Amino acid sequence: MRRHPWDPGLQVERTALAWMRTCLSMIVVALIAFRFAAHTSLAAALALAAVVVPMALVSLRLAWRRYRTSDANLTSGKRLPDGTLPLAVTIVTALTGALGLVYVLVDR
């Protein structure tokens, strides 16, 4: 069976790469926040790293899985995957922002 790309512009691949860049950026931001938070409170910095970095890695894994599933579903005519990945990225982003806000408020 010959596989036909759903989109000749390879939209699925571009979207997957964008998700992976976003997840890697979240890891870098979390590590930078860890570096700054460690000066104020090592416990808060460790909590930040313990929560945000694993969630970002999970988001990276979900991005890869979503790409594989989307590609398979588009070629077979099935529905696209659910919104688990956008939900995970939203949670990680909100946690990172909340921990950054706590850092700013505690540092005063």
Foldseek 3Di string as FASTA:
>chain_A
DDFDFLDPVPPLVVVLVVQLVLLVVLLVLLVVLLVLLCVPPNVLSVVSCVPQNVLSVVLNVVSVVQSVQQRVCSRVVHDHDDCPSVVSSVVSVVSSVVSVVVSVVSVD
